[in-house]
C-alpha atoms as a PDB file:
ATOM      1  CA  MET A   1     -51.787 -19.600  27.250  1.00  0.00           C
ATOM      2  CA  ARG A   2     -50.606 -21.427  29.447  1.00  0.00           C
ATOM      3  CA  ILE A   3     -52.868 -23.698  31.384  1.00  0.00           C
ATOM      4  CA  GLU A   4     -53.447 -25.587  34.857  1.00  0.00           C
ATOM      5  CA  ILE A   5     -54.295 -29.807  34.433  1.00  0.00           C
ATOM      6  CA  THR A   6     -55.662 -31.123  37.346  1.00  0.00           C
ATOM      7  CA  ALA A   7     -55.614 -34.916  36.903  1.00  0.00           C
ATOM      8  CA  VAL A   8     -56.316 -38.310  38.873  1.00  0.00           C
ATOM      9  CA  VAL A   9     -54.407 -40.617  39.249  1.00  0.00           C
ATOM     10  CA  GLU A  10     -54.361 -44.291  41.194  1.00  0.00           C
ATOM     11  CA  VAL A  11     -51.202 -45.546  42.247  1.00  0.00           C
ATOM     12  CA  PRO A  12     -50.719 -48.142  44.515  1.00  0.00           C
ATOM     13  CA  ASP A  13     -51.884 -47.628  48.673  1.00  0.00           C
ATOM     14  CA  GLY A  14     -48.253 -46.756  50.550  1.00  0.00           C
ATOM     15  CA  THR A  15     -46.606 -45.744  47.683  1.00  0.00           C
ATOM     16  CA  PRO A  16     -44.369 -43.428  49.112  1.00  0.00           C
ATOM     17  CA  MET A  17     -45.070 -39.528  47.410  1.00  0.00           C
ATOM     18  CA  ASP A  18     -41.693 -38.320  46.842  1.00  0.00           C
ATOM     19  CA  ALA A  19     -41.502 -41.276  44.738  1.00  0.00           C
ATOM     20  CA  VAL A  20     -44.878 -40.690  43.038  1.00  0.00           C
ATOM     21  CA  GLU A  21     -43.783 -36.786  42.203  1.00  0.00           C
ATOM     22  CA  GLU A  22     -40.680 -37.979  40.802  1.00  0.00           C
ATOM     23  CA  TRP A  23     -42.461 -40.190  38.640  1.00  0.00           C
ATOM     24  CA  ILE A  24     -45.671 -37.508  37.573  1.00  0.00           C
ATOM     25  CA  GLU A  25     -42.507 -34.957  37.187  1.00  0.00           C
ATOM     26  CA  PHE A  26     -40.955 -38.307  34.658  1.00  0.00           C
ATOM     27  CA  GLU A  27     -44.204 -39.197  33.108  1.00  0.00           C
ATOM     28  CA  MET A  28     -45.012 -35.687  32.052  1.00  0.00           C
ATOM     29  CA  GLY A  29     -41.627 -34.521  30.607  1.00  0.00           C
ATOM     30  CA  SER A  30     -40.690 -31.921  33.469  1.00  0.00           C
ATOM     31  CA  ASN A  31     -37.757 -34.076  34.304  1.00  0.00           C
ATOM     32  CA  GLY A  32     -35.600 -36.250  32.053  1.00  0.00           C
ATOM     33  CA  CYS A  33     -34.733 -39.495  34.029  1.00  0.00           C
ATOM     34  CA  MET A  34     -36.472 -41.216  37.663  1.00  0.00           C
ATOM     35  CA  SER A  35     -34.380 -43.972  40.025  1.00  0.00           C
ATOM     36  CA  ALA A  36     -34.853 -46.831  38.462  1.00  0.00           C
ATOM     37  CA  ASP A  37     -35.274 -47.876  42.468  1.00  0.00           C
ATOM     38  CA  ASN A  38     -39.128 -45.850  42.149  1.00  0.00           C
ATOM     39  CA  PRO A  39     -41.681 -48.102  43.351  1.00  0.00           C
ATOM     40  CA  LEU A  40     -43.654 -46.757  40.075  1.00  0.00           C
ATOM     41  CA  ALA A  41     -40.474 -47.135  37.439  1.00  0.00           C
ATOM     42  CA  GLY A  42     -42.078 -48.786  34.657  1.00  0.00           C
ATOM     43  CA  GLU A  43     -45.472 -47.977  34.966  1.00  0.00           C
ATOM     44  CA  SER A  44     -46.922 -45.323  32.910  1.00  0.00           C
ATOM     45  CA  MET A  45     -49.659 -42.853  34.031  1.00  0.00           C
ATOM     46  CA  ALA A  46     -52.732 -43.188  33.064  1.00  0.00           C
ATOM     47  CA  CYS A  47     -55.583 -40.822  34.538  1.00  0.00           C
ATOM     48  CA  THR A  48     -59.072 -41.472  35.729  1.00  0.00           C
ATOM     49  CA  SER A  49     -60.061 -37.963  35.147  1.00  0.00           C
ATOM     50  CA  VAL A  50     -58.287 -34.425  33.956  1.00  0.00           C
ATOM     51  CA  ASP A  51     -59.078 -31.357  34.461  1.00  0.00           C
ATOM     52  CA  VAL A  52     -57.869 -28.564  31.722  1.00  0.00           C
ATOM     53  CA  ARG A  53     -58.354 -24.815  32.589  1.00  0.00           C
ATOM     54  CA  GLU A  54     -56.820 -21.823  31.043  1.00  0.00           C
ATOM     55  CA  GLY A  55     -54.675 -19.988  34.406  1.00  0.00           C
END
């Protein structure tokens, strides 16, 4: 089965989108590493809301 997940996550204002994408891919396990220079390195992902659909 395949699902689609939409999540709302707070990140600090001004965080570059490429850093956010790298962080999310790392936190979700689709990328096994993340740059130590990423401003979100060391942060855990906490979702304020999640929507799950079959897809």
